[in-house]
């Protein structure tokens, strides 16, 4: 398999919400390992995608988008994002090339300038961005943080991603692989199941459901016939939100469950029995046990 000289290293993927970090991680891995949504701040946890190119294994940490935290959950997400960049062999700063360079991006670039890890600037969404503006964005950001390299990519179409992957592989240190060749993520099946259901909540409810929701996998068991039985509760803060998730006559939660069940079947390759129920739990963000369930550290 890899007799020549194996390499393995950690690549942290950071940036503002909705820059396309999860889509880029999925593209580098070659299949879906992180949930994506047009809704900002979709990624809540540090999720590792595992990509292989030649003799090199890239451990990609898809971090939550970095923003100005207001709530405890926000603070935990931002702490996870910066924690994911600690001692990385390369830090990818992903910027929405169409969105431009505003105060938030400038602030992030200045924060990255203080870090000692090798930094690579990724201007994403080149398929829909204004080309002359992209060069201007790159010049402004390099003036702030002196990036080691700059790449123009489209995580959606794959444009430029192969070149980026090859460059990352060349930067990784020599050493044995940390995971088996066929493993694409360090997320447990239990955690991935919760993430898939949460993605469907975002896709199907759009602006109707605020961030005050979480998905908790209560039970995950393998049946004798090889299928998987999953019981999850969707946590919301108010009765009105519960009604939104359920939909008229329970139609909305049935649609969410059907879509999540199908995706989990495709990801796991086995039949999935998924049971969802919605629970009103005011202030669930202050439940310490839930943080470990969704892969975050408790932040005071």
Protein backbone atom coordinates (compact mmCIF):
# COMPACT_ATOMS: atom_id res chain seq x y z
CA UNK A 1 0.00 0.00 0.00
CA UNK A 2 2.37 2.73 1.17
CA UNK A 3 5.87 1.26 1.30
CA UNK A 4 7.71 4.38 0.07
CA UNK A 5 7.47 7.06 2.72
CA UNK A 6 4.12 7.57 4.42
CA UNK A 7 3.17 11.04 5.60
CA UNK A 8 0.44 12.12 7.98
CA UNK A 9 -0.49 15.54 9.28
CA UNK A 10 -3.21 17.74 10.74
CA UNK A 11 -4.90 20.43 8.64
CA UNK A 12 -7.21 22.88 10.44
CA UNK A 13 -9.94 24.49 8.33
CA UNK A 14 -11.03 27.83 9.80
CA UNK A 15 -12.98 30.86 8.67
CA UNK A 16 -16.17 32.84 9.12
CA UNK A 17 -19.57 31.08 9.03
CA UNK A 18 -20.79 30.09 5.57
CA UNK A 19 -17.37 30.37 3.89
CA UNK A 20 -17.76 26.82 2.57
CA UNK A 21 -15.45 25.01 5.00
CA UNK A 22 -17.56 21.86 5.32
CA UNK A 23 -18.08 21.64 1.56
CA UNK A 24 -14.31 21.94 1.07
CA UNK A 25 -13.60 19.20 3.62
CA UNK A 26 -16.13 16.91 1.92
CA UNK A 27 -14.52 17.64 -1.47
CA UNK A 28 -11.00 16.91 -0.19
CA UNK A 29 -12.13 13.65 1.43
CA UNK A 30 -14.07 12.64 -1.67
CA UNK A 31 -17.34 11.98 0.11
CA UNK A 32 -19.60 13.56 2.68
CA UNK A 33 -18.27 13.67 6.24
CA UNK A 34 -19.52 17.11 7.36
CA UNK A 35 -23.01 18.54 7.14
CA UNK A 36 -23.60 21.57 4.95
CA UNK A 37 -26.38 24.13 4.82
CA UNK A 38 -27.00 27.60 3.39
CA UNK A 39 -27.62 28.57 7.03
CA UNK A 40 -24.53 30.03 8.69
CA UNK A 41 -22.90 28.35 11.70
CA UNK A 42 -24.06 24.88 10.65
CA UNK A 43 -20.93 23.13 11.94
CA UNK A 44 -20.92 23.06 15.74
CA UNK A 45 -18.17 20.62 16.56
CA UNK A 46 -14.61 19.81 15.56
CA UNK A 47 -15.18 17.10 13.00
CA UNK A 48 -12.24 15.32 11.44
CA UNK A 49 -12.39 14.25 7.81
CA UNK A 50 -9.66 11.87 6.61
CA UNK A 51 -8.34 12.36 3.07
CA UNK A 52 -5.73 10.27 1.29
CA UNK A 53 -3.56 11.33 -1.62
CA UNK A 54 -0.75 9.03 -2.69
CA UNK A 55 1.27 8.11 0.41
CA UNK A 56 -0.17 10.94 2.51
CA UNK A 57 -3.04 10.92 4.97
CA UNK A 58 -4.54 14.35 5.67
CA UNK A 59 -6.45 14.76 8.94
CA UNK A 60 -8.83 17.63 8.18
CA UNK A 61 -10.39 19.35 11.17
CA UNK A 62 -13.56 21.09 9.99
CA UNK A 63 -14.11 23.71 12.68
CA UNK A 64 -17.18 25.78 13.53
CA UNK A 65 -17.27 29.17 11.84
CA UNK A 66 -15.61 31.85 13.97
CA UNK A 67 -17.92 34.72 14.87
CA UNK A 68 -18.69 37.05 17.78
CA UNK A 69 -20.02 34.73 20.50
CA UNK A 70 -22.98 35.86 22.57
CA UNK A 71 -24.32 32.68 24.17
CA UNK A 72 -22.63 29.77 25.96
CA UNK A 73 -23.08 27.54 22.90
CA UNK A 74 -21.50 30.24 20.72
CA UNK A 75 -18.50 30.49 23.05
CA UNK A 76 -18.06 26.70 23.02
CA UNK A 77 -18.17 26.68 19.21
CA UNK A 78 -15.57 29.45 18.89
CA UNK A 79 -13.33 27.73 21.46
CA UNK A 80 -13.61 24.53 19.38
CA UNK A 81 -12.64 26.43 16.23
CA UNK A 82 -9.46 27.95 17.64
CA UNK A 83 -8.69 24.71 19.51
CA UNK A 84 -8.84 22.84 16.20
CA UNK A 85 -6.00 25.00 14.88
CA UNK A 86 -3.63 24.24 17.76
CA UNK A 87 -0.36 22.72 16.55
CA UNK A 88 -1.75 22.00 13.08
CA UNK A 89 0.73 21.26 10.28
CA UNK A 90 -1.24 23.73 8.16
CA UNK A 91 -4.14 26.11 8.79
CA UNK A 92 -6.49 26.78 5.88
CA UNK A 93 -8.23 30.15 6.15
CA UNK A 94 -11.31 29.77 3.95
CA UNK A 95 -12.87 33.01 2.71
CA UNK A 96 -16.04 33.41 0.66
CA UNK A 97 -14.57 34.92 -2.52
CA UNK A 98 -17.96 36.29 -3.54
CA UNK A 99 -18.68 37.83 -0.16
CA UNK A 100 -15.51 39.90 -0.01
CA UNK A 101 -13.37 41.16 2.84
CA UNK A 102 -15.37 42.93 5.53
CA UNK A 103 -14.48 43.81 9.14
CA UNK A 104 -15.11 40.24 10.37
CA UNK A 105 -12.71 38.72 7.80
CA UNK A 106 -10.13 41.42 8.48
CA UNK A 107 -10.30 40.71 12.21
CA UNK A 108 -9.82 36.97 11.62
CA UNK A 109 -6.84 37.55 9.32
CA UNK A 110 -5.23 39.74 11.98
CA UNK A 111 -5.80 37.02 14.60
CA UNK A 112 -4.24 34.42 12.29
CA UNK A 113 -1.21 36.66 11.76
CA UNK A 114 -0.33 36.08 15.43
CA UNK A 115 -0.29 32.29 15.03
CA UNK A 116 2.87 30.33 14.29
CA UNK A 117 1.27 27.46 12.30
CA UNK A 118 1.80 27.54 8.50
CA UNK A 119 -1.12 29.44 7.00
CA UNK A 120 -2.75 28.97 3.59
CA UNK A 121 -5.34 31.38 2.24
CA UNK A 122 -8.24 29.76 0.37
CA UNK A 123 -10.49 32.05 -1.65
CA UNK A 124 -13.53 29.86 -2.20
CA UNK A 125 -16.56 30.07 -4.52
CA UNK A 126 -14.51 31.22 -7.52
CA UNK A 127 -17.22 29.79 -9.78
CA UNK A 128 -19.59 32.58 -8.72
CA UNK A 129 -17.13 35.33 -7.67
CA UNK A 130 -15.96 38.37 -9.61
CA UNK A 131 -12.44 37.41 -10.83
CA UNK A 132 -10.74 40.86 -10.58
CA UNK A 133 -12.12 41.28 -7.05
CA UNK A 134 -10.61 37.92 -6.03
CA UNK A 135 -7.09 39.19 -6.74
CA UNK A 136 -7.82 42.32 -4.72
CA UNK A 137 -9.13 40.24 -1.78
CA UNK A 138 -6.00 38.06 -1.92
CA UNK A 139 -3.69 41.09 -1.88
CA UNK A 140 -5.50 42.71 1.06
CA UNK A 141 -5.50 39.54 3.16
CA UNK A 142 -1.86 38.72 2.43
CA UNK A 143 -0.93 42.22 3.54
CA UNK A 144 -2.60 41.47 6.89
CA UNK A 145 -1.30 37.97 7.58
CA UNK A 146 1.48 37.02 5.14
CA UNK A 147 0.06 33.66 4.13
CA UNK A 148 2.51 30.98 2.99
CA UNK A 149 0.37 30.20 -0.06
CA UNK A 150 -2.88 31.37 -1.68
CA UNK A 151 -5.32 29.17 -3.60
CA UNK A 152 -8.42 30.05 -5.61
CA UNK A 153 -10.92 27.17 -5.49
CA UNK A 154 -14.54 26.18 -5.80
CA UNK A 155 -15.40 23.57 -3.21
CA UNK A 156 -18.74 23.08 -4.98
CA UNK A 157 -17.37 22.29 -8.47
CA UNK A 158 -13.95 20.99 -7.36
CA UNK A 159 -12.06 23.61 -9.38
CA UNK A 160 -8.53 24.04 -7.94
CA UNK A 161 -9.06 21.48 -5.15
CA UNK A 162 -6.69 18.83 -6.58
CA UNK A 163 -3.83 21.37 -6.67
CA UNK A 164 -4.58 22.36 -3.09
CA UNK A 165 -4.67 18.72 -1.97
CA UNK A 166 -1.29 18.02 -3.59
CA UNK A 167 0.23 21.11 -1.93
CA UNK A 168 -1.11 20.07 1.47
CA UNK A 169 0.31 16.56 1.05
CA UNK A 170 3.75 18.00 0.31
CA UNK A 171 3.63 19.98 3.58
CA UNK A 172 2.78 17.03 5.84
CA UNK A 173 5.52 15.47 7.99
CA UNK A 174 6.79 11.95 7.42
CA UNK A 175 5.16 9.45 9.72
CA UNK A 176 2.71 6.55 9.93
CA UNK A 177 -0.96 6.96 9.10
CA UNK A 178 -3.24 7.46 12.13
CA UNK A 179 -6.33 5.78 10.69
CA UNK A 180 -7.10 2.75 8.48
CA UNK A 181 -7.15 3.38 4.74
CA UNK A 182 -10.93 2.98 4.45
CA UNK A 183 -11.87 5.34 7.31
CA UNK A 184 -13.11 8.78 6.23
CA UNK A 185 -14.01 10.40 9.57
CA UNK A 186 -13.37 10.15 13.30
CA UNK A 187 -17.03 10.86 14.05
CA UNK A 188 -18.88 7.96 15.67
CA UNK A 189 -21.94 6.59 13.88
CA UNK A 190 -23.99 7.90 16.79
CA UNK A 191 -22.67 11.45 16.32
CA UNK A 192 -22.99 11.32 12.54
CA UNK A 193 -26.62 10.21 12.87
CA UNK A 194 -27.40 13.27 14.99
CA UNK A 195 -25.59 15.54 12.52
CA UNK A 196 -27.54 14.16 9.54
CA UNK A 197 -30.87 14.78 11.28
CA UNK A 198 -29.78 18.28 12.26
CA UNK A 199 -28.84 19.01 8.65
CA UNK A 200 -32.36 18.04 7.56
CA UNK A 201 -33.80 20.38 10.19
CA UNK A 202 -31.84 23.23 8.60
CA UNK A 203 -32.66 22.25 5.02
CA UNK A 204 -36.38 21.79 5.57
CA UNK A 205 -37.15 24.56 8.05
CA UNK A 206 -34.81 27.29 6.73
CA UNK A 207 -35.54 30.59 8.50
CA UNK A 208 -38.48 29.17 10.48
CA UNK A 209 -36.28 27.48 13.06
CA UNK A 210 -33.68 29.55 14.91
CA UNK A 211 -30.46 28.13 16.29
CA UNK A 212 -32.26 27.12 19.46
CA UNK A 213 -32.38 23.46 18.45
CA UNK A 214 -30.20 20.41 18.98
CA UNK A 215 -30.42 16.73 18.13
CA UNK A 216 -29.56 14.15 20.78
CA UNK A 217 -29.14 10.46 19.92
CA UNK A 218 -30.72 8.71 22.89
CA UNK A 219 -30.35 5.13 21.70
CA UNK A 220 -28.31 3.51 18.92
CA UNK A 221 -28.52 -0.26 18.61
CA UNK A 222 -27.68 -2.83 15.95
CA UNK A 223 -30.41 -5.38 15.30
CA UNK A 224 -29.74 -9.08 14.67
CA UNK A 225 -30.62 -8.66 10.97
CA UNK A 226 -27.76 -6.13 10.55
CA UNK A 227 -30.00 -3.07 10.46
CA UNK A 228 -29.62 -0.15 12.88
CA UNK A 229 -32.26 1.29 15.21
CA UNK A 230 -31.80 4.94 16.18
CA UNK A 231 -33.89 6.95 18.62
CA UNK A 232 -33.31 10.71 18.65
CA UNK A 233 -34.87 13.67 20.33
CA UNK A 234 -34.93 17.10 18.77
CA UNK A 235 -34.56 19.70 21.50
CA UNK A 236 -36.20 23.12 21.16
CA UNK A 237 -36.68 25.91 23.67
CA UNK A 238 -40.35 26.81 23.17
CA UNK A 239 -43.67 25.09 22.44
CA UNK A 240 -44.10 27.24 19.31
CA UNK A 241 -40.83 25.82 17.93
CA UNK A 242 -42.06 22.29 18.64
CA UNK A 243 -45.13 22.98 16.54
CA UNK A 244 -42.92 24.19 13.67
CA UNK A 245 -40.80 21.03 13.74
CA UNK A 246 -43.84 18.73 13.91
CA UNK A 247 -45.72 20.53 11.11
CA UNK A 248 -49.40 20.13 10.31
CA UNK A 249 -50.51 16.64 11.31
CA UNK A 250 -46.88 15.70 11.93
CA UNK A 251 -46.05 16.07 8.22
CA UNK A 252 -42.85 18.05 8.72
CA UNK A 253 -41.17 15.70 11.17
CA UNK A 254 -42.12 12.74 8.95
CA UNK A 255 -40.39 14.44 5.99
CA UNK A 256 -37.32 15.23 8.11
CA UNK A 257 -37.18 11.63 9.34
CA UNK A 258 -37.62 10.15 5.87
CA UNK A 259 -34.82 12.27 4.36
CA UNK A 260 -32.44 11.62 7.30
CA UNK A 261 -33.22 7.89 7.22
CA UNK A 262 -32.43 7.66 3.51
CA UNK A 263 -29.15 9.55 3.87
CA UNK A 264 -28.07 7.43 6.85
CA UNK A 265 -28.86 4.30 4.85
CA UNK A 266 -26.61 5.55 2.04
CA UNK A 267 -23.81 6.53 4.44
CA UNK A 268 -23.88 3.33 6.51
CA UNK A 269 -24.85 0.83 3.84
CA UNK A 270 -27.46 -0.82 6.08
CA UNK A 271 -31.18 -0.42 6.67
CA UNK A 272 -31.93 2.29 9.24
CA UNK A 273 -34.94 2.50 11.56
CA UNK A 274 -35.05 6.12 12.73
CA UNK A 275 -37.45 7.33 15.42
CA UNK A 276 -37.69 11.07 16.11
CA UNK A 277 -39.53 12.97 18.77
CA UNK A 278 -39.50 16.64 19.69
CA UNK A 279 -38.96 17.79 23.25
CA UNK A 280 -39.30 21.29 24.67
CA UNK A 281 -36.38 21.89 27.00
CA UNK A 282 -36.02 25.59 27.89
CA UNK A 283 -32.37 26.57 28.34
CA UNK A 284 -30.99 23.31 26.91
CA UNK A 285 -27.83 25.25 26.08
CA UNK A 286 -26.99 25.19 29.79
CA UNK A 287 -27.14 21.39 30.01
CA UNK A 288 -23.52 20.34 30.53
CA UNK A 289 -24.14 16.69 29.53
CA UNK A 290 -25.46 17.71 26.13
CA UNK A 291 -22.19 19.40 25.21
CA UNK A 292 -20.22 16.16 25.37
CA UNK A 293 -22.98 14.47 23.36
CA UNK A 294 -22.52 16.95 20.49
CA UNK A 295 -18.73 16.98 20.82
CA UNK A 296 -18.09 20.34 22.46
CA UNK A 297 -16.24 21.35 25.61
CA UNK A 298 -18.17 23.15 28.34
CA UNK A 299 -17.16 26.83 28.41
CA UNK A 300 -17.86 28.96 31.49
